[in-house]
Amino acid sequence: MKSVRKGYVITEQYSTYFVTFTIVGWVDVFTRKELNEIIVDSLKFCQKQKGLIINAYVIMSNHIHLIVRAAPDSEGLSAIIRDFKKYTSKKILEFVFTDKKESRQEWMKIVFAYHAKYNKNNSKYQVWQQNNRPKMLIHPRFSQRIISYIHLNPVRSKIVDQPEDYVYSSARNYAEYKEVELEVEIMDFGVTDGYVMM
């Protein structure tokens, strides 16, 4: 039986985790507004209907970083992530394979089919890498570093000069912008004995 590194599994279903969802082959799927909207709408649905609590996020061209946890009355974080990835895979494939503007359709089909061959859970195509690389957030200093890392992704990629200029990021929420794509629960580090969820 293949062993799984303890640091890369969700062991506590209602704790706060830093997770990364990556497209197979690092394909730049999220270069179109419509595909970003699929992710935003799906996250909103998970917030309202499944008990997902989001503290921070960024949607990059081929991966998504999130700080999340599951509400106590939910099925737990693993179930929410499973459902989110299953639904968004279906919606991404529908868009990519039917939208006339997508010039990379044939190439994407090849990449998604290639990765599905090595995963018995997929029948024909695979969109997301299986490992979400979850890291439980316990210490406030580490949590602060992860939020900064998430928000600086578009700056490091030279997409924007300031984190809050990037539309698909919670940096706008933390900067108290009125117009944001997704509501998040801000992590407050203003106390000495740890952080408080506002």
Protein backbone atom coordinates (compact mmCIF):
# COMPACT_ATOMS: atom_id res chain seq x y z
CA MET A 1 0.00 0.00 0.00
CA LYS A 2 1.34 3.41 -0.98
CA SER A 3 2.15 5.61 2.01
CA VAL A 4 0.94 9.20 2.22
CA ARG A 5 3.05 11.82 3.91
CA LYS A 6 1.26 12.93 7.06
CA GLY A 7 1.80 16.59 6.24
CA TYR A 8 -0.21 16.23 3.02
CA VAL A 9 -3.53 14.85 4.24
CA ILE A 10 -6.45 16.53 5.96
CA THR A 11 -6.43 14.85 9.36
CA GLU A 12 -8.70 17.31 11.18
CA GLN A 13 -11.84 17.94 9.11
CA TYR A 14 -12.82 21.16 10.92
CA SER A 15 -9.40 22.81 11.31
CA THR A 16 -8.00 25.61 9.15
CA TYR A 17 -5.86 24.54 6.19
CA PHE A 18 -3.78 26.08 3.43
CA VAL A 19 -4.58 24.15 0.25
CA THR A 20 -3.58 24.39 -3.39
CA PHE A 21 -5.64 23.14 -6.33
CA THR A 22 -3.47 22.75 -9.44
CA ILE A 23 -4.50 22.02 -13.02
CA VAL A 24 -2.85 18.88 -14.45
CA GLY A 25 0.22 19.65 -16.55
CA TRP A 26 0.10 23.21 -15.18
CA VAL A 27 -2.18 24.14 -18.09
CA ASP A 28 -3.09 27.85 -18.02
CA VAL A 29 -6.84 27.34 -17.85
CA PHE A 30 -7.78 30.47 -15.91
CA THR A 31 -6.81 33.01 -18.54
CA ARG A 32 -10.44 33.72 -19.44
CA LYS A 33 -12.94 35.60 -17.29
CA GLU A 34 -15.57 32.89 -17.83
CA LEU A 35 -13.36 30.21 -16.27
CA ASN A 36 -12.50 32.40 -13.30
CA GLU A 37 -16.23 32.96 -12.82
CA ILE A 38 -16.79 29.19 -12.69
CA ILE A 39 -14.39 29.03 -9.74
CA VAL A 40 -15.83 32.07 -7.97
CA ASP A 41 -19.42 30.88 -8.39
CA SER A 42 -18.50 27.38 -7.18
CA LEU A 43 -16.73 28.76 -4.11
CA LYS A 44 -19.76 30.94 -3.34
CA PHE A 45 -22.01 27.89 -3.60
CA CYS A 46 -19.73 25.95 -1.25
CA GLN A 47 -19.86 28.85 1.22
CA LYS A 48 -23.66 29.10 1.18
CA GLN A 49 -24.66 25.46 0.79
CA LYS A 50 -21.81 23.30 2.07
CA GLY A 51 -20.33 25.21 5.01
CA LEU A 52 -17.02 26.25 3.46
CA ILE A 53 -15.34 29.12 5.28
CA ILE A 54 -12.71 30.98 3.25
CA ASN A 55 -10.09 33.15 4.94
CA ALA A 56 -7.90 33.91 1.91
CA TYR A 57 -7.61 32.95 -1.75
CA VAL A 58 -6.03 33.73 -5.10
CA ILE A 59 -6.89 32.34 -8.52
CA MET A 60 -3.83 32.17 -10.75
CA SER A 61 -3.68 30.97 -14.36
CA ASN A 62 -3.16 27.29 -13.49
CA HIS A 63 -3.66 26.95 -9.74
CA ILE A 64 -5.66 28.24 -6.80
CA HIS A 65 -4.40 28.89 -3.27
CA LEU A 66 -6.87 28.98 -0.39
CA ILE A 67 -6.99 29.18 3.38
CA VAL A 68 -10.18 27.34 4.31
CA ARG A 69 -12.02 25.41 6.95
CA ALA A 70 -15.35 23.62 7.22
CA ALA A 71 -18.23 24.74 9.43
CA PRO A 72 -18.92 22.39 12.38
CA ASP A 73 -22.30 21.33 10.95
CA SER A 74 -20.88 20.46 7.50
CA GLU A 75 -19.66 17.14 6.08
CA GLY A 76 -16.07 18.24 6.65
CA LEU A 77 -13.37 19.82 4.52
CA SER A 78 -12.40 16.73 2.51
CA ALA A 79 -15.99 16.23 1.31
CA ILE A 80 -16.36 19.90 0.36
CA ILE A 81 -13.10 19.87 -1.60
CA ARG A 82 -14.07 16.62 -3.34
CA ASP A 83 -17.42 18.06 -4.45
CA PHE A 84 -15.88 21.39 -5.50
CA LYS A 85 -13.22 19.73 -7.67
CA LYS A 86 -15.71 17.29 -9.21
CA TYR A 87 -18.17 20.04 -10.14
CA THR A 88 -15.58 22.52 -11.41
CA SER A 89 -13.88 19.79 -13.49
CA LYS A 90 -17.16 19.17 -15.27
CA LYS A 91 -17.84 22.89 -15.84
CA ILE A 92 -14.27 23.60 -17.02
CA LEU A 93 -14.41 20.74 -19.53
CA GLU A 94 -17.81 21.91 -20.79
CA PHE A 95 -16.48 25.42 -21.41
CA VAL A 96 -13.11 24.45 -22.84
CA PHE A 97 -14.55 21.91 -25.27
CA THR A 98 -17.52 23.97 -26.49
CA ASP A 99 -16.39 27.59 -26.49
CA LYS A 100 -15.43 28.75 -29.98
CA LYS A 101 -12.93 31.28 -28.58
CA GLU A 102 -10.75 28.55 -27.04
CA SER A 103 -8.07 27.93 -29.64
CA ARG A 104 -6.33 25.29 -27.49
CA GLN A 105 -9.22 22.81 -27.39
CA GLU A 106 -7.46 19.88 -29.08
CA TRP A 107 -4.25 20.32 -27.13
CA MET A 108 -6.16 20.56 -23.83
CA LYS A 109 -8.10 17.39 -24.65
CA ILE A 110 -4.80 15.58 -25.18
CA VAL A 111 -3.35 16.84 -21.88
CA PHE A 112 -6.48 16.08 -19.84
CA ALA A 113 -6.84 12.62 -21.44
CA TYR A 114 -3.15 11.82 -20.87
CA HIS A 115 -3.41 12.55 -17.13
CA ALA A 116 -6.67 10.62 -16.80
CA LYS A 117 -4.93 7.46 -18.07
CA TYR A 118 -2.89 7.31 -14.88
CA ASN A 119 -5.81 7.90 -12.50
CA LYS A 120 -8.37 5.13 -12.11
CA ASN A 121 -10.87 7.63 -10.64
CA ASN A 122 -11.23 9.42 -13.98
CA SER A 123 -13.00 7.86 -16.95
CA LYS A 124 -11.77 10.07 -19.79
CA TYR A 125 -10.34 13.42 -18.68
CA GLN A 126 -8.62 14.75 -15.57
CA VAL A 127 -8.58 18.49 -14.84
CA TRP A 128 -7.19 18.83 -11.31
CA GLN A 129 -4.09 17.23 -9.81
CA GLN A 130 -5.16 14.89 -7.01
CA ASN A 131 -2.96 16.19 -4.21
CA ASN A 132 -4.15 19.44 -2.62
CA ARG A 133 -1.00 19.65 -0.45
CA PRO A 134 -2.96 20.65 2.69
CA LYS A 135 -1.07 22.25 5.55
CA MET A 136 -2.88 22.81 8.84
CA LEU A 137 -2.53 26.37 10.13
CA ILE A 138 -2.00 26.49 13.88
CA HIS A 139 0.52 29.25 14.59
CA PRO A 140 -0.48 32.88 13.89
CA ARG A 141 2.95 33.81 12.49
CA PHE A 142 2.82 30.97 9.95
CA SER A 143 -0.77 31.91 9.03
CA GLN A 144 0.32 35.51 8.40
CA ARG A 145 3.16 34.31 6.18
CA ILE A 146 0.80 32.11 4.17
CA ILE A 147 -1.70 34.95 3.64
CA SER A 148 1.14 37.16 2.44
CA TYR A 149 2.39 34.38 0.15
CA ILE A 150 -1.09 33.93 -1.32
CA HIS A 151 -1.65 37.64 -1.90
CA LEU A 152 1.80 38.22 -3.41
CA ASN A 153 1.38 35.53 -6.10
CA PRO A 154 0.16 37.97 -8.80
CA VAL A 155 2.91 40.45 -7.85
CA ARG A 156 5.63 37.80 -8.13
CA SER A 157 4.17 36.81 -11.51
CA LYS A 158 4.38 40.48 -12.59
CA ILE A 159 0.66 40.67 -13.32
CA VAL A 160 0.10 43.61 -10.94
CA ASP A 161 2.25 45.95 -8.87
CA GLN A 162 0.15 45.76 -5.70
CA PRO A 163 -1.65 42.64 -4.36
CA GLU A 164 -4.98 44.46 -4.03
CA ASP A 165 -4.93 45.38 -7.74
CA TYR A 166 -5.54 41.74 -8.65
CA VAL A 167 -9.27 41.08 -9.02
CA TYR A 168 -9.34 37.37 -8.16
CA SER A 169 -7.71 37.62 -4.76
CA SER A 170 -8.72 38.22 -1.16
CA ALA A 171 -6.01 40.91 -0.96
CA ARG A 172 -8.85 43.25 -1.94
CA ASN A 173 -10.89 42.07 1.05
CA TYR A 174 -7.98 42.60 3.43
CA ALA A 175 -7.42 46.07 1.94
CA GLU A 176 -11.13 46.76 2.66
CA TYR A 177 -12.16 47.31 -0.95
CA LYS A 178 -15.93 47.63 -1.33
CA GLU A 179 -16.01 45.68 -4.60
CA VAL A 180 -14.72 42.14 -4.21
CA GLU A 181 -15.34 38.97 -6.19
CA LEU A 182 -15.78 36.75 -3.14
CA GLU A 183 -16.53 37.44 0.52
CA VAL A 184 -14.00 36.01 2.98
CA GLU A 185 -13.71 35.80 6.74
CA ILE A 186 -10.76 38.04 7.58
CA MET A 187 -8.10 36.64 9.90
CA ASP A 188 -7.34 39.18 12.62
CA PHE A 189 -3.81 39.05 14.02
CA GLY A 190 -4.28 41.96 16.39
CA VAL A 191 -4.08 39.90 19.60
CA THR A 192 -1.03 38.50 21.34
CA ASP A 193 -2.26 35.02 22.19
CA GLY A 194 -3.20 33.93 18.70
CA TYR A 195 -5.52 34.96 15.95
CA VAL A 196 -9.23 35.54 16.19
CA MET A 197 -11.75 34.71 13.47
CA MET A 198 -13.86 37.82 12.91
